[in-house]
């Protein structure tokens, strides 16, 4: 169980495969190697779309599904997949967003957990879609996950209907809104704009879960992100509260106090062991 502390491919390939594209979950930095071939009809008959009786059963079935994308299962332990989905309070019938989904590792689990009566938006900007590469394309080819919609566009253009989303996941990716990529002069997004858009899209009572690499307190956020790909947890909390969300809960599941937060997250000595915070924000109920 989670320890909670409660405070209050390229684009041409995407088009060719017929994936819905409207224009790095990950930390956006993971790869898989193969895919099991599965037709659309098989997807409909598989356990991924089977009716489930409870959130716990839905999550367990999603993780245990034998038809998962090749290579994903080996990542479950260090990604804390079951615990993260439980912390998100995922259940069948939900409408969810995997924001900056990369190759879609969590998107697939969410797709299977919400079932045929739910849906998942697999959202990337162009940088994250390029990072997801062929695995992003293969994972969603041939209607393999029929309730998933892949969207690739820049953050300023990503819009959803008001009060339409139950839950949003940003896994090791929120810091990238402050990151200025090489050969660019602007960051990947403007946090205040992104959070305002998420606040509008999330239903009253809905949640946004943010997991990211912890930076030391203070400092210039853009500079810290550029150097270390870390972010001060307080910055994230301030950003979401400013957008209107309530800070709902946190988990210490991925805390690693031995990480002094001074090294870049890609350092091999810290692989899968950076000190990470897990926050849940909730849109106030009306």
Protein backbone atom coordinates (compact mmCIF):
# COMPACT_ATOMS: atom_id res chain seq x y z
CA UNK A 1 0.00 0.00 0.00
CA UNK A 2 1.10 3.58 -0.55
CA UNK A 3 2.29 5.61 2.39
CA UNK A 4 0.11 8.73 2.13
CA UNK A 5 0.43 12.04 3.89
CA UNK A 6 -2.77 14.02 3.50
CA UNK A 7 -2.55 17.83 3.81
CA UNK A 8 -5.91 18.96 3.75
CA UNK A 9 8.16 7.68 -36.01
CA UNK A 10 7.87 10.15 -37.32
CA UNK A 11 4.64 11.88 -38.25
CA UNK A 12 4.45 10.27 -41.69
CA UNK A 13 4.42 6.82 -40.11
CA UNK A 14 1.66 7.84 -37.73
CA UNK A 15 -0.51 8.96 -40.63
CA UNK A 16 0.25 5.83 -42.65
CA UNK A 17 -0.89 3.59 -39.81
CA UNK A 18 -4.08 5.57 -39.42
CA UNK A 19 -3.42 6.58 -35.85
CA UNK A 20 -5.35 9.68 -34.89
CA UNK A 21 -2.84 12.54 -34.76
CA UNK A 22 -4.32 15.94 -34.15
CA UNK A 23 -1.75 18.29 -35.46
CA UNK A 24 10.36 12.81 -23.79
CA UNK A 25 6.28 8.70 -18.59
CA UNK A 26 7.81 8.01 -18.19
CA UNK A 27 10.63 10.16 -17.73
CA UNK A 28 10.14 9.81 -21.38
CA UNK A 29 13.44 7.90 -21.45
CA UNK A 30 12.55 4.20 -21.74
CA UNK A 31 12.45 1.76 -24.64
CA UNK A 32 10.85 -1.59 -25.43
CA UNK A 33 11.94 -3.90 -28.24
CA UNK A 34 9.07 -5.99 -29.64
CA UNK A 35 5.33 -6.17 -29.92
CA UNK A 36 2.96 -9.12 -29.85
CA UNK A 37 0.83 -9.15 -32.99
CA UNK A 38 -2.78 -8.69 -32.02
CA UNK A 39 -5.72 -7.89 -34.27
CA UNK A 40 -8.48 -5.47 -33.43
CA UNK A 41 -10.93 -8.33 -32.92
CA UNK A 42 -8.54 -10.10 -30.59
CA UNK A 43 -8.21 -6.87 -28.62
CA UNK A 44 -11.95 -6.82 -28.15
CA UNK A 45 -11.94 -10.39 -26.80
CA UNK A 46 -8.83 -10.10 -24.63
CA UNK A 47 -8.82 -9.58 -20.84
CA UNK A 48 -7.87 -5.95 -21.53
CA UNK A 49 -11.48 -5.20 -22.35
CA UNK A 50 -13.15 -7.72 -20.07
CA UNK A 51 -15.71 -6.39 -17.65
CA UNK A 52 -14.32 -6.01 -14.15
CA UNK A 53 -16.07 -5.61 -10.84
CA UNK A 54 -13.77 -3.29 -8.90
CA UNK A 55 -10.90 -0.81 -9.32
CA UNK A 56 -8.51 -3.25 -7.65
CA UNK A 57 -9.50 -6.03 -10.05
CA UNK A 58 -9.21 -3.69 -13.03
CA UNK A 59 -5.71 -2.59 -12.09
CA UNK A 60 -4.54 -6.12 -11.29
CA UNK A 61 -5.97 -7.43 -14.57
CA UNK A 62 -4.32 -4.63 -16.52
CA UNK A 63 -0.89 -5.46 -15.13
CA UNK A 64 -1.36 -9.24 -15.44
CA UNK A 65 -2.69 -9.11 -19.00
CA UNK A 66 -0.73 -11.59 -21.18
CA UNK A 67 -1.07 -9.42 -24.29
CA UNK A 68 0.89 -6.45 -22.99
CA UNK A 69 3.46 -4.82 -25.27
CA UNK A 70 6.71 -6.77 -25.26
CA UNK A 71 9.25 -5.49 -22.74
CA UNK A 72 6.76 -3.59 -20.58
CA UNK A 73 6.44 -6.18 -17.86
CA UNK A 74 10.15 -5.95 -16.99
CA UNK A 75 9.59 -2.30 -16.04
CA UNK A 76 6.71 -2.81 -13.63
CA UNK A 77 8.75 -3.10 -10.43
CA UNK A 78 10.88 0.01 -10.78
CA UNK A 79 8.01 2.04 -12.22
CA UNK A 80 5.76 1.02 -9.27
CA UNK A 81 2.95 0.58 -11.75
CA UNK A 82 0.28 -0.95 -9.53
CA UNK A 83 0.87 1.54 -6.75
CA UNK A 84 0.78 4.50 -9.12
CA UNK A 85 -2.53 3.39 -10.67
CA UNK A 86 -3.95 2.89 -7.18
CA UNK A 87 -2.77 6.36 -6.16
CA UNK A 88 -4.51 7.75 -9.26
CA UNK A 89 -7.68 6.01 -8.07
CA UNK A 90 -8.19 4.52 -11.53
CA UNK A 91 -11.35 2.55 -12.13
CA UNK A 92 -13.39 1.21 -15.05
CA UNK A 93 -15.25 3.80 -17.10
CA UNK A 94 -12.85 6.67 -16.43
CA UNK A 95 -11.71 9.15 -19.06
CA UNK A 96 -7.96 9.68 -18.49
CA UNK A 97 -4.97 11.43 -20.04
CA UNK A 98 -1.40 10.16 -20.12
CA UNK A 99 0.30 13.54 -20.56
CA UNK A 100 3.69 13.43 -22.31
CA UNK A 101 3.14 9.71 -22.70
CA UNK A 102 6.32 8.92 -24.65
CA UNK A 103 6.02 5.40 -26.02
CA UNK A 104 2.85 4.80 -24.02
CA UNK A 105 3.86 2.37 -21.25
CA UNK A 106 1.38 3.83 -18.77
CA UNK A 107 -1.13 4.59 -21.53
CA UNK A 108 -1.55 0.87 -22.15
CA UNK A 109 -2.06 0.05 -18.49
CA UNK A 110 -4.58 2.86 -18.19
CA UNK A 111 -6.37 1.72 -21.33
CA UNK A 112 -6.82 -1.78 -19.95
CA UNK A 113 -7.74 -0.60 -16.45
CA UNK A 114 -10.51 1.80 -17.53
CA UNK A 115 -11.89 -0.84 -19.90
CA UNK A 116 -14.21 -0.50 -22.89
CA UNK A 117 -16.50 1.97 -21.13
CA UNK A 118 -13.56 4.29 -20.47
CA UNK A 119 -10.96 5.97 -22.65
CA UNK A 120 -7.38 7.22 -22.57
CA UNK A 121 -5.86 10.14 -24.43
CA UNK A 122 -2.24 9.37 -25.26
CA UNK A 123 -0.84 12.88 -25.50
CA UNK A 124 2.63 13.91 -26.69
CA UNK A 125 4.09 17.05 -28.12
CA UNK A 126 6.28 16.51 -31.17
CA UNK A 127 9.45 16.07 -29.10
CA UNK A 128 7.91 13.36 -26.96
CA UNK A 129 6.33 11.66 -29.98
CA UNK A 130 9.74 11.50 -31.67
CA UNK A 131 11.16 10.03 -28.51
CA UNK A 132 8.39 7.42 -28.39
CA UNK A 133 9.32 6.53 -31.96
CA UNK A 134 8.37 3.19 -33.44
CA UNK A 135 7.20 1.84 -30.09
CA UNK A 136 4.53 4.53 -29.86
CA UNK A 137 3.35 3.60 -33.35
CA UNK A 138 3.45 -0.16 -32.88
CA UNK A 139 1.74 -0.08 -29.50
CA UNK A 140 -1.38 1.55 -30.94
CA UNK A 141 -1.36 0.13 -34.48
CA UNK A 142 -4.35 -1.78 -35.87
CA UNK A 143 -6.69 -0.62 -33.10
CA UNK A 144 -4.74 -2.78 -30.66
CA UNK A 145 -6.04 -0.64 -27.80
CA UNK A 146 -9.40 0.41 -29.13
CA UNK A 147 -10.25 2.90 -26.36
CA UNK A 148 -7.01 4.88 -26.78
CA UNK A 149 -6.68 8.04 -28.85
CA UNK A 150 -3.19 9.21 -29.81
CA UNK A 151 -2.77 12.97 -30.07
CA UNK A 152 0.43 14.73 -31.09
CA UNK A 153 0.55 18.52 -31.00
CA UNK A 154 2.29 21.27 -29.10
CA UNK A 155 1.07 22.06 -25.60
CA UNK A 156 -0.48 25.41 -26.50
CA UNK A 157 -2.72 23.71 -29.08
CA UNK A 158 -3.81 20.74 -26.94
CA UNK A 159 -7.41 21.38 -25.98
CA UNK A 160 -10.11 19.16 -24.50
CA UNK A 161 -13.77 19.73 -23.66
CA UNK A 162 -14.43 21.30 -20.29
CA UNK A 163 -15.09 18.95 -17.37
CA UNK A 164 -14.43 15.87 -19.52
CA UNK A 165 -11.48 14.16 -17.79
CA UNK A 166 -11.43 12.09 -14.60
CA UNK A 167 -7.67 11.76 -14.12
CA UNK A 168 -4.37 12.94 -15.63
CA UNK A 169 -0.94 11.36 -15.20
CA UNK A 170 2.38 13.17 -15.65
CA UNK A 171 5.07 10.58 -15.02
CA UNK A 172 8.61 12.01 -14.81
CA UNK A 173 7.65 14.63 -17.35
CA UNK A 174 6.32 17.79 -15.70
CA UNK A 175 9.81 19.27 -15.41
CA UNK A 176 10.06 19.25 -19.20
CA UNK A 177 7.55 22.08 -19.41
CA UNK A 178 10.45 24.23 -18.17
CA UNK A 179 13.08 22.57 -20.39
CA UNK A 180 14.49 24.40 -23.40
CA UNK A 181 15.54 21.80 -25.96
CA UNK A 182 18.71 22.17 -27.98
CA UNK A 183 18.29 24.49 -30.98
CA UNK A 184 15.15 26.01 -29.45
CA UNK A 185 14.72 29.28 -27.63
CA UNK A 186 11.53 28.47 -25.74
CA UNK A 187 10.64 25.75 -23.22
CA UNK A 188 8.40 22.82 -24.11
CA UNK A 189 5.45 24.55 -22.56
CA UNK A 190 4.26 27.35 -20.32
CA UNK A 191 3.30 25.71 -17.04
CA UNK A 192 0.63 28.23 -16.15
CA UNK A 193 -1.07 27.73 -19.53
CA UNK A 194 -0.82 23.95 -19.36
CA UNK A 195 -2.21 23.80 -15.84
CA UNK A 196 -5.04 26.18 -16.68
CA UNK A 197 -5.97 23.94 -19.61
CA UNK A 198 -5.85 20.85 -17.40
CA UNK A 199 -7.96 22.55 -14.75
CA UNK A 200 -10.60 23.36 -17.35
CA UNK A 201 -10.58 19.82 -18.75
CA UNK A 202 -10.68 17.90 -15.45
CA UNK A 203 -14.09 17.20 -13.96
CA UNK A 204 -14.94 18.60 -10.53
CA UNK A 205 -13.46 16.10 -8.09
CA UNK A 206 -11.06 14.77 -10.72
CA UNK A 207 -7.33 14.44 -10.15
CA UNK A 208 -3.91 15.13 -11.62
CA UNK A 209 -1.03 12.93 -10.43
CA UNK A 210 2.53 14.20 -10.85
CA UNK A 211 5.61 12.02 -10.32
CA UNK A 212 8.99 13.64 -10.93
CA UNK A 213 12.67 13.79 -9.99
CA UNK A 214 13.27 15.95 -6.91
CA UNK A 215 15.63 18.91 -7.05
CA UNK A 216 17.04 20.74 -4.08
CA UNK A 217 14.84 23.60 -2.89
CA UNK A 218 15.16 26.97 -4.56
CA UNK A 219 17.14 28.08 -7.57
CA UNK A 220 16.05 29.11 -11.03
CA UNK A 221 13.67 26.37 -12.17
CA UNK A 222 14.58 26.53 -15.86
CA UNK A 223 18.30 26.39 -15.10
CA UNK A 224 17.91 23.49 -12.66
CA UNK A 225 15.77 21.57 -15.15
CA UNK A 226 18.23 22.28 -17.96
CA UNK A 227 21.19 21.03 -15.95
CA UNK A 228 19.72 18.13 -13.99
CA UNK A 229 16.22 17.30 -15.35
CA UNK A 230 14.94 17.74 -11.81
CA UNK A 231 12.40 20.11 -10.30
CA UNK A 232 11.80 21.46 -6.82
CA UNK A 233 8.66 19.71 -5.50
CA UNK A 234 7.46 22.99 -4.00
CA UNK A 235 7.50 24.56 -7.47
CA UNK A 236 5.13 21.88 -8.73
CA UNK A 237 2.86 22.31 -5.74
CA UNK A 238 2.79 26.07 -6.21
CA UNK A 239 2.05 25.74 -9.94
CA UNK A 240 -0.98 23.51 -9.48
CA UNK A 241 -2.41 25.39 -6.51
CA UNK A 242 -2.10 28.62 -8.51
CA UNK A 243 -4.16 26.97 -11.26
CA UNK A 244 -6.97 26.23 -8.80
CA UNK A 245 -6.22 22.64 -7.81
CA UNK A 246 -6.18 21.45 -4.22
CA UNK A 247 -3.13 19.57 -2.96
CA UNK A 248 -4.83 16.29 -2.13
CA UNK A 249 -2.20 13.70 -1.17
CA UNK A 250 1.40 12.61 -1.51
CA UNK A 251 3.26 9.31 -1.35
CA UNK A 252 6.81 8.52 -0.30
CA UNK A 253 6.82 5.32 -2.35
CA UNK A 254 9.65 6.52 -4.61
CA UNK A 255 11.68 8.47 -2.10
CA UNK A 256 15.43 7.74 -2.07
CA UNK A 257 17.05 9.88 0.65
CA UNK A 258 20.51 8.65 -0.39
CA UNK A 259 20.13 10.74 -3.55
CA UNK A 260 21.46 14.19 -2.64
CA UNK A 261 19.69 15.68 -5.71
CA UNK A 262 22.90 17.16 -7.15
CA UNK A 263 23.44 14.76 -10.08
CA UNK A 264 21.69 14.67 -13.43
CA UNK A 265 18.98 12.01 -13.39
CA UNK A 266 20.66 10.07 -16.23
CA UNK A 267 23.71 9.30 -14.06
CA UNK A 268 24.07 5.49 -14.05
CA UNK A 269 24.64 5.46 -10.29
CA UNK A 270 21.07 6.74 -9.91
CA UNK A 271 19.31 4.67 -12.54
CA UNK A 272 15.74 4.10 -11.31
CA UNK A 273 16.80 5.36 -7.88
CA UNK A 274 16.50 9.13 -8.02
CA UNK A 275 14.64 10.74 -5.16
CA UNK A 276 11.13 11.26 -6.54
CA UNK A 277 7.99 12.89 -5.25
CA UNK A 278 4.44 11.70 -5.96
CA UNK A 279 1.71 14.31 -5.64
CA UNK A 280 -2.02 14.15 -6.25
CA UNK A 281 -3.96 17.32 -6.97
CA UNK A 282 -7.74 17.47 -7.06
CA UNK A 283 -10.11 19.88 -8.76
CA UNK A 284 -12.57 21.16 -6.18
CA UNK A 285 -16.02 19.63 -6.32
CA UNK A 286 -18.77 22.10 -7.06
